[in-house]
N, C-alpha and C. Protein backbone atom coordinates (compact mmCIF):
# COMPACT_ATOMS: atom_id res chain seq x y z
N MET A 1 3.40 -83.73 23.69
CA MET A 1 2.14 -84.21 24.20
C MET A 1 1.32 -83.01 24.65
N ARG A 2 0.07 -83.11 24.35
CA ARG A 2 -0.84 -82.04 24.75
C ARG A 2 -1.99 -82.68 25.52
N ALA A 3 -2.33 -82.09 26.66
CA ALA A 3 -3.42 -82.63 27.48
C ALA A 3 -4.41 -81.53 27.82
N VAL A 4 -5.67 -81.88 27.76
CA VAL A 4 -6.75 -81.04 28.26
C VAL A 4 -7.27 -81.76 29.49
N ILE A 5 -7.12 -81.11 30.64
CA ILE A 5 -7.53 -81.71 31.91
C ILE A 5 -8.82 -81.04 32.36
N LYS A 6 -9.85 -81.82 32.55
CA LYS A 6 -11.13 -81.29 33.02
C LYS A 6 -11.39 -81.85 34.40
N ARG A 7 -11.60 -80.96 35.36
CA ARG A 7 -12.00 -81.40 36.69
C ARG A 7 -13.47 -81.77 36.60
N VAL A 8 -13.79 -83.01 36.98
CA VAL A 8 -15.16 -83.49 36.81
C VAL A 8 -15.75 -83.98 38.13
N SER A 9 -17.07 -83.91 38.21
CA SER A 9 -17.75 -84.54 39.34
C SER A 9 -18.17 -85.97 38.95
N SER A 10 -18.22 -86.23 37.63
CA SER A 10 -18.43 -87.58 37.12
C SER A 10 -18.08 -87.61 35.64
N ALA A 11 -17.72 -88.80 35.15
CA ALA A 11 -17.39 -88.95 33.73
C ALA A 11 -17.47 -90.41 33.35
N ASN A 12 -17.73 -90.66 32.07
CA ASN A 12 -17.67 -92.02 31.56
C ASN A 12 -17.34 -92.03 30.08
N VAL A 13 -16.91 -93.19 29.61
CA VAL A 13 -16.59 -93.41 28.21
C VAL A 13 -17.39 -94.62 27.75
N VAL A 14 -18.09 -94.45 26.63
CA VAL A 14 -18.92 -95.51 26.07
C VAL A 14 -18.40 -95.87 24.68
N VAL A 15 -18.25 -97.16 24.41
CA VAL A 15 -17.88 -97.68 23.09
C VAL A 15 -18.87 -98.79 22.76
N ASN A 16 -19.48 -98.69 21.58
CA ASN A 16 -20.47 -99.70 21.15
C ASN A 16 -21.57 -99.90 22.19
N ASN A 17 -22.08 -98.80 22.72
CA ASN A 17 -23.17 -98.81 23.70
C ASN A 17 -22.82 -99.49 25.01
N LYS A 18 -21.52 -99.61 25.31
CA LYS A 18 -21.08 -100.23 26.56
C LYS A 18 -20.15 -99.26 27.29
N ILE A 19 -20.41 -99.03 28.57
CA ILE A 19 -19.54 -98.19 29.38
C ILE A 19 -18.24 -98.95 29.61
N ILE A 20 -17.10 -98.35 29.17
CA ILE A 20 -15.81 -99.01 29.37
C ILE A 20 -15.02 -98.37 30.51
N SER A 21 -15.37 -97.14 30.87
CA SER A 21 -14.73 -96.46 32.01
C SER A 21 -15.74 -95.50 32.62
N HIS A 22 -15.69 -95.40 33.94
CA HIS A 22 -16.52 -94.41 34.62
C HIS A 22 -15.87 -94.04 35.96
N ILE A 23 -16.04 -92.78 36.32
CA ILE A 23 -15.52 -92.29 37.60
C ILE A 23 -16.50 -91.31 38.21
N GLY A 24 -16.32 -91.07 39.49
CA GLY A 24 -17.00 -89.98 40.16
C GLY A 24 -16.09 -88.76 40.03
N ALA A 25 -15.76 -88.13 41.14
CA ALA A 25 -14.91 -86.94 41.11
C ALA A 25 -13.50 -87.29 40.63
N GLY A 26 -12.91 -86.37 39.89
CA GLY A 26 -11.55 -86.58 39.42
C GLY A 26 -11.25 -85.79 38.17
N PHE A 27 -10.41 -86.38 37.32
CA PHE A 27 -9.99 -85.74 36.07
C PHE A 27 -10.39 -86.57 34.87
N MET A 28 -10.88 -85.88 33.85
CA MET A 28 -10.98 -86.42 32.51
C MET A 28 -9.80 -85.80 31.77
N VAL A 29 -8.88 -86.64 31.30
CA VAL A 29 -7.70 -86.17 30.60
C VAL A 29 -7.81 -86.57 29.13
N LEU A 30 -7.88 -85.57 28.27
CA LEU A 30 -7.87 -85.80 26.83
C LEU A 30 -6.43 -85.62 26.40
N LEU A 31 -5.84 -86.63 25.74
CA LEU A 31 -4.42 -86.67 25.48
C LEU A 31 -4.13 -86.72 23.98
N GLY A 32 -3.38 -85.72 23.49
CA GLY A 32 -2.93 -85.69 22.11
C GLY A 32 -1.46 -86.02 22.05
N ILE A 33 -1.07 -86.92 21.13
CA ILE A 33 0.31 -87.39 21.04
C ILE A 33 0.90 -87.03 19.69
N GLU A 34 2.13 -86.50 19.73
CA GLU A 34 2.88 -86.17 18.52
C GLU A 34 3.98 -87.20 18.31
N GLU A 35 4.47 -87.31 17.08
CA GLU A 35 5.54 -88.26 16.78
C GLU A 35 6.82 -87.94 17.54
N SER A 36 7.03 -86.67 17.89
CA SER A 36 8.26 -86.28 18.58
C SER A 36 8.20 -86.49 20.09
N ASP A 37 7.08 -86.98 20.62
CA ASP A 37 6.95 -87.18 22.06
C ASP A 37 7.84 -88.34 22.53
N THR A 38 8.32 -88.21 23.77
CA THR A 38 9.27 -89.17 24.33
C THR A 38 8.84 -89.60 25.73
N GLN A 39 9.61 -90.52 26.30
CA GLN A 39 9.38 -90.94 27.68
C GLN A 39 9.52 -89.74 28.63
N GLU A 40 10.38 -88.81 28.32
CA GLU A 40 10.52 -87.61 29.15
C GLU A 40 9.21 -86.81 29.17
N ASP A 41 8.55 -86.69 28.02
CA ASP A 41 7.25 -86.00 27.97
C ASP A 41 6.23 -86.75 28.82
N ILE A 42 6.22 -88.07 28.72
CA ILE A 42 5.29 -88.90 29.48
C ILE A 42 5.49 -88.68 30.98
N SER A 43 6.71 -88.80 31.44
CA SER A 43 7.01 -88.66 32.87
C SER A 43 6.66 -87.27 33.39
N TRP A 44 7.07 -86.25 32.65
CA TRP A 44 6.82 -84.87 33.08
C TRP A 44 5.33 -84.58 33.15
N LEU A 45 4.59 -84.96 32.09
CA LEU A 45 3.17 -84.66 32.03
C LEU A 45 2.38 -85.43 33.09
N SER A 46 2.70 -86.68 33.28
CA SER A 46 1.99 -87.48 34.29
C SER A 46 2.17 -86.88 35.69
N LYS A 47 3.40 -86.56 36.03
CA LYS A 47 3.66 -85.97 37.35
C LYS A 47 2.95 -84.62 37.50
N LYS A 48 2.95 -83.83 36.44
CA LYS A 48 2.27 -82.53 36.46
C LYS A 48 0.78 -82.72 36.71
N ILE A 49 0.17 -83.68 36.02
CA ILE A 49 -1.27 -83.90 36.15
C ILE A 49 -1.64 -84.41 37.54
N VAL A 50 -0.97 -85.43 38.04
CA VAL A 50 -1.38 -85.99 39.34
C VAL A 50 -1.12 -85.02 40.49
N ASN A 51 -0.22 -84.07 40.29
CA ASN A 51 0.09 -83.08 41.34
C ASN A 51 -0.56 -81.72 41.12
N LEU A 52 -1.35 -81.58 40.05
CA LEU A 52 -2.02 -80.32 39.73
C LEU A 52 -3.04 -79.99 40.82
N ARG A 53 -2.85 -78.88 41.48
CA ARG A 53 -3.67 -78.52 42.65
C ARG A 53 -4.87 -77.68 42.22
N ILE A 54 -5.93 -78.38 41.78
CA ILE A 54 -7.13 -77.66 41.32
C ILE A 54 -8.41 -78.18 41.98
N PHE A 55 -8.26 -78.91 43.10
CA PHE A 55 -9.42 -79.31 43.89
C PHE A 55 -9.48 -78.44 45.13
N SER A 56 -10.67 -78.12 45.56
CA SER A 56 -10.84 -77.21 46.69
C SER A 56 -10.50 -77.86 48.02
N ASP A 57 -9.84 -77.07 48.88
CA ASP A 57 -9.55 -77.51 50.24
C ASP A 57 -10.72 -77.11 51.14
N ALA A 58 -10.57 -77.25 52.44
CA ALA A 58 -11.65 -76.95 53.40
C ALA A 58 -12.09 -75.49 53.36
N GLU A 59 -11.20 -74.60 52.91
CA GLU A 59 -11.53 -73.18 52.83
C GLU A 59 -12.06 -72.79 51.45
N GLY A 60 -12.22 -73.76 50.56
CA GLY A 60 -12.74 -73.48 49.23
C GLY A 60 -11.69 -72.97 48.25
N VAL A 61 -10.41 -73.10 48.61
CA VAL A 61 -9.31 -72.66 47.75
C VAL A 61 -8.82 -73.86 46.93
N MET A 62 -8.59 -73.65 45.62
CA MET A 62 -8.05 -74.74 44.80
C MET A 62 -6.62 -74.99 45.24
N ASN A 63 -6.45 -76.00 46.09
CA ASN A 63 -5.17 -76.23 46.74
C ASN A 63 -4.82 -77.71 46.88
N LEU A 64 -5.69 -78.59 46.39
CA LEU A 64 -5.46 -80.03 46.53
C LEU A 64 -5.31 -80.70 45.17
N SER A 65 -4.47 -81.72 45.14
CA SER A 65 -4.20 -82.45 43.89
C SER A 65 -5.03 -83.73 43.81
N LEU A 66 -4.98 -84.34 42.66
CA LEU A 66 -5.60 -85.65 42.45
C LEU A 66 -4.98 -86.66 43.41
N LEU A 67 -3.68 -86.58 43.57
CA LEU A 67 -2.96 -87.49 44.46
C LEU A 67 -3.41 -87.30 45.91
N GLU A 68 -3.59 -86.06 46.32
CA GLU A 68 -3.97 -85.77 47.72
C GLU A 68 -5.43 -86.13 48.01
N THR A 69 -6.30 -85.98 47.02
CA THR A 69 -7.73 -86.24 47.26
C THR A 69 -8.09 -87.71 47.12
N GLY A 70 -7.28 -88.46 46.38
CA GLY A 70 -7.61 -89.86 46.13
C GLY A 70 -8.65 -90.03 45.04
N TYR A 71 -8.98 -88.95 44.34
CA TYR A 71 -9.95 -89.04 43.26
C TYR A 71 -9.39 -89.84 42.09
N ASP A 72 -10.24 -90.10 41.12
CA ASP A 72 -9.90 -90.97 40.00
C ASP A 72 -9.63 -90.17 38.72
N ALA A 73 -9.21 -90.89 37.69
CA ALA A 73 -8.94 -90.26 36.40
C ALA A 73 -9.29 -91.21 35.26
N ILE A 74 -9.65 -90.60 34.15
CA ILE A 74 -9.81 -91.31 32.88
C ILE A 74 -8.92 -90.59 31.87
N VAL A 75 -8.17 -91.36 31.08
CA VAL A 75 -7.34 -90.80 30.02
C VAL A 75 -7.86 -91.31 28.68
N VAL A 76 -8.18 -90.36 27.79
CA VAL A 76 -8.71 -90.68 26.47
C VAL A 76 -7.79 -90.08 25.42
N SER A 77 -7.33 -90.90 24.50
CA SER A 77 -6.50 -90.42 23.40
C SER A 77 -7.36 -89.59 22.46
N GLN A 78 -6.83 -88.41 22.06
CA GLN A 78 -7.60 -87.53 21.18
C GLN A 78 -6.65 -86.82 20.21
N PHE A 79 -6.47 -87.42 19.03
CA PHE A 79 -5.54 -86.87 18.04
C PHE A 79 -5.94 -85.48 17.57
N THR A 80 -7.21 -85.12 17.68
CA THR A 80 -7.66 -83.81 17.20
C THR A 80 -7.10 -82.66 18.03
N LEU A 81 -6.48 -82.94 19.16
CA LEU A 81 -5.84 -81.87 19.94
C LEU A 81 -4.66 -81.26 19.19
N HIS A 82 -4.17 -81.97 18.17
CA HIS A 82 -3.06 -81.44 17.37
C HIS A 82 -3.53 -80.92 16.02
N ALA A 83 -4.80 -80.53 15.93
CA ALA A 83 -5.34 -79.99 14.69
C ALA A 83 -4.66 -78.66 14.35
N ALA A 84 -4.25 -78.54 13.10
CA ALA A 84 -3.73 -77.27 12.57
C ALA A 84 -4.85 -76.61 11.80
N THR A 85 -5.19 -75.38 12.18
CA THR A 85 -6.33 -74.70 11.57
C THR A 85 -5.94 -73.39 10.89
N LYS A 86 -4.65 -73.17 10.68
CA LYS A 86 -4.17 -71.92 10.11
C LYS A 86 -4.70 -71.68 8.70
N LYS A 87 -4.68 -72.72 7.88
CA LYS A 87 -5.11 -72.58 6.48
C LYS A 87 -6.46 -73.25 6.27
N GLY A 88 -7.35 -72.55 5.62
CA GLY A 88 -8.64 -73.13 5.25
C GLY A 88 -9.52 -73.46 6.43
N ASN A 89 -10.55 -74.24 6.16
CA ASN A 89 -11.53 -74.58 7.19
C ASN A 89 -11.52 -76.06 7.55
N ARG A 90 -10.68 -76.82 6.87
CA ARG A 90 -10.58 -78.25 7.18
C ARG A 90 -9.28 -78.46 7.96
N PRO A 91 -9.37 -78.86 9.23
CA PRO A 91 -8.16 -79.03 10.04
C PRO A 91 -7.23 -80.10 9.46
N SER A 92 -5.94 -79.87 9.64
CA SER A 92 -4.93 -80.85 9.28
C SER A 92 -4.45 -81.51 10.57
N TYR A 93 -4.23 -82.81 10.50
CA TYR A 93 -3.77 -83.55 11.68
C TYR A 93 -2.37 -84.10 11.47
N ILE A 94 -1.59 -83.42 10.65
CA ILE A 94 -0.26 -83.88 10.28
C ILE A 94 0.67 -84.03 11.49
N ARG A 95 0.46 -83.22 12.53
CA ARG A 95 1.32 -83.29 13.73
C ARG A 95 0.95 -84.44 14.66
N ALA A 96 -0.24 -84.97 14.51
CA ALA A 96 -0.66 -86.09 15.38
C ALA A 96 0.09 -87.35 14.98
N ALA A 97 0.54 -88.08 15.98
CA ALA A 97 1.29 -89.32 15.73
C ALA A 97 0.39 -90.38 15.10
N LYS A 98 0.96 -91.15 14.20
CA LYS A 98 0.26 -92.28 13.60
C LYS A 98 0.10 -93.38 14.67
N PRO A 99 -0.89 -94.26 14.51
CA PRO A 99 -1.14 -95.29 15.53
C PRO A 99 0.09 -96.11 15.93
N GLY A 100 0.96 -96.44 15.00
CA GLY A 100 2.14 -97.25 15.33
C GLY A 100 3.04 -96.59 16.36
N ILE A 101 3.04 -95.28 16.39
CA ILE A 101 3.82 -94.53 17.38
C ILE A 101 2.94 -94.14 18.56
N ALA A 102 1.72 -93.70 18.26
CA ALA A 102 0.84 -93.18 19.31
C ALA A 102 0.38 -94.22 20.31
N ILE A 103 0.04 -95.43 19.85
CA ILE A 103 -0.49 -96.45 20.77
C ILE A 103 0.52 -96.81 21.86
N PRO A 104 1.79 -97.12 21.53
CA PRO A 104 2.74 -97.42 22.61
C PRO A 104 2.95 -96.24 23.57
N LEU A 105 2.94 -95.01 23.05
CA LEU A 105 3.11 -93.84 23.91
C LEU A 105 1.88 -93.65 24.81
N TYR A 106 0.70 -93.85 24.25
CA TYR A 106 -0.55 -93.76 25.03
C TYR A 106 -0.54 -94.80 26.15
N GLU A 107 -0.19 -96.03 25.82
CA GLU A 107 -0.15 -97.08 26.83
C GLU A 107 0.91 -96.81 27.88
N ALA A 108 2.06 -96.26 27.47
CA ALA A 108 3.12 -95.92 28.43
C ALA A 108 2.66 -94.78 29.34
N PHE A 109 1.91 -93.82 28.79
CA PHE A 109 1.40 -92.73 29.60
C PHE A 109 0.43 -93.25 30.66
N ILE A 110 -0.44 -94.17 30.27
CA ILE A 110 -1.40 -94.76 31.21
C ILE A 110 -0.65 -95.47 32.34
N ARG A 111 0.35 -96.28 31.98
CA ARG A 111 1.14 -96.98 33.01
C ARG A 111 1.83 -95.99 33.95
N GLN A 112 2.37 -94.90 33.38
CA GLN A 112 3.06 -93.90 34.19
C GLN A 112 2.10 -93.21 35.15
N MET A 113 0.90 -92.86 34.65
CA MET A 113 -0.08 -92.22 35.54
C MET A 113 -0.53 -93.16 36.64
N GLU A 114 -0.70 -94.44 36.30
CA GLU A 114 -1.09 -95.40 37.33
C GLU A 114 0.01 -95.54 38.39
N THR A 115 1.24 -95.51 37.95
CA THR A 115 2.36 -95.57 38.90
C THR A 115 2.39 -94.32 39.76
N ASP A 116 2.29 -93.15 39.13
CA ASP A 116 2.36 -91.88 39.87
C ASP A 116 1.17 -91.69 40.80
N LEU A 117 0.01 -92.18 40.39
CA LEU A 117 -1.21 -92.03 41.19
C LEU A 117 -1.36 -93.15 42.22
N GLY A 118 -0.71 -94.28 41.96
CA GLY A 118 -0.79 -95.40 42.89
C GLY A 118 -2.04 -96.23 42.77
N LYS A 119 -2.72 -96.13 41.63
CA LYS A 119 -3.91 -96.94 41.41
C LYS A 119 -4.25 -96.96 39.93
N GLN A 120 -5.16 -97.87 39.58
CA GLN A 120 -5.59 -98.01 38.20
C GLN A 120 -6.42 -96.80 37.79
N ILE A 121 -6.28 -96.41 36.52
CA ILE A 121 -7.10 -95.32 35.98
C ILE A 121 -7.96 -95.86 34.86
N GLY A 122 -9.01 -95.12 34.52
CA GLY A 122 -9.86 -95.49 33.40
C GLY A 122 -9.24 -95.02 32.10
N THR A 123 -9.67 -95.62 31.01
CA THR A 123 -9.15 -95.25 29.69
C THR A 123 -10.27 -95.23 28.67
N GLY A 124 -9.93 -94.64 27.54
CA GLY A 124 -10.78 -94.77 26.37
C GLY A 124 -10.31 -96.00 25.63
N SER A 125 -10.76 -96.13 24.39
CA SER A 125 -10.34 -97.22 23.52
C SER A 125 -9.69 -96.59 22.29
N PHE A 126 -8.38 -96.71 22.17
CA PHE A 126 -7.63 -96.01 21.14
C PHE A 126 -8.24 -96.27 19.76
N GLY A 127 -8.52 -95.19 19.05
CA GLY A 127 -9.02 -95.28 17.68
C GLY A 127 -10.50 -95.60 17.54
N ALA A 128 -11.17 -95.88 18.65
CA ALA A 128 -12.59 -96.23 18.59
C ALA A 128 -13.45 -94.96 18.52
N ASP A 129 -14.66 -95.14 18.04
CA ASP A 129 -15.66 -94.07 18.08
C ASP A 129 -16.23 -94.10 19.50
N MET A 130 -15.86 -93.10 20.29
CA MET A 130 -16.24 -93.07 21.70
C MET A 130 -17.26 -91.97 21.97
N GLN A 131 -18.11 -92.19 22.93
CA GLN A 131 -18.97 -91.15 23.46
C GLN A 131 -18.45 -90.86 24.86
N VAL A 132 -17.97 -89.65 25.04
CA VAL A 132 -17.40 -89.24 26.32
C VAL A 132 -18.39 -88.29 26.98
N THR A 133 -18.82 -88.67 28.17
CA THR A 133 -19.77 -87.85 28.92
C THR A 133 -19.09 -87.41 30.21
N LEU A 134 -19.24 -86.11 30.52
CA LEU A 134 -18.65 -85.63 31.77
C LEU A 134 -19.43 -84.45 32.30
N VAL A 135 -19.34 -84.27 33.61
CA VAL A 135 -19.86 -83.09 34.26
C VAL A 135 -18.64 -82.30 34.70
N ASN A 136 -18.35 -81.22 33.96
CA ASN A 136 -17.18 -80.39 34.24
C ASN A 136 -17.46 -79.61 35.53
N ASP A 137 -16.70 -79.89 36.55
CA ASP A 137 -16.90 -79.30 37.87
C ASP A 137 -16.21 -77.94 37.94
N GLY A 138 -16.96 -76.91 38.12
CA GLY A 138 -16.42 -75.56 38.26
C GLY A 138 -17.05 -74.56 37.32
N PRO A 139 -16.83 -74.61 36.05
CA PRO A 139 -15.98 -75.54 35.32
C PRO A 139 -14.50 -75.19 35.47
N VAL A 140 -13.68 -76.22 35.55
CA VAL A 140 -12.23 -76.05 35.58
C VAL A 140 -11.66 -76.89 34.44
N THR A 141 -10.96 -76.24 33.52
CA THR A 141 -10.32 -76.90 32.39
C THR A 141 -8.93 -76.31 32.23
N ILE A 142 -7.92 -77.16 32.22
CA ILE A 142 -6.51 -76.75 32.11
C ILE A 142 -5.91 -77.42 30.88
N ILE A 143 -5.14 -76.65 30.11
CA ILE A 143 -4.44 -77.19 28.95
C ILE A 143 -2.95 -77.18 29.23
N ILE A 144 -2.31 -78.32 29.02
CA ILE A 144 -0.85 -78.43 29.23
C ILE A 144 -0.23 -79.03 27.98
N ASP A 145 0.86 -78.42 27.52
CA ASP A 145 1.59 -78.92 26.34
C ASP A 145 3.04 -79.10 26.76
N THR A 146 3.57 -80.30 26.59
CA THR A 146 4.95 -80.56 27.01
C THR A 146 5.97 -79.79 26.18
N LYS A 147 5.55 -79.27 25.04
CA LYS A 147 6.44 -78.47 24.20
C LYS A 147 6.47 -77.00 24.63
N ASN A 148 5.55 -76.62 25.52
CA ASN A 148 5.46 -75.26 26.05
C ASN A 148 5.40 -75.29 27.58
N LYS A 149 6.42 -75.79 28.20
CA LYS A 149 6.43 -75.97 29.65
C LYS A 149 6.43 -74.65 30.42
N ASP A 150 6.71 -73.55 29.75
CA ASP A 150 6.73 -72.24 30.41
C ASP A 150 5.34 -71.68 30.64
N LEU A 151 4.36 -72.19 29.90
CA LEU A 151 3.00 -71.64 29.99
C LEU A 151 2.22 -72.26 31.11
């Protein structure tokens, strides 16, 4: 699993000209799923994200987590995070999980984040043409890959 976490002051997801998710301060999480991802990846990544200390404390130091601030999150599935660009100019998405595998993992990840965060989170609409709008606060953007836990 690969996640791009953006600290936002606001964000929303629109499908068919209708806002399906919106938040104020919090995280916009773009989530890429591979066929080899497991429940272990889901649990590890969710805990890492909700405890990621990238919100400023009273002294202006990035020292507070999503869990500590009570801020919100939106998780949007994004298969293009697994684009292979080594050959040619047209990306290959061979590593991205097919919907039959990706949808249950995406839904399990959402449930895990809601459990870890203690509240409902916003989502995208899997496979839909979405318009994602966000104000990247900082800007702060973190990339986490469960296959590279050392980074």
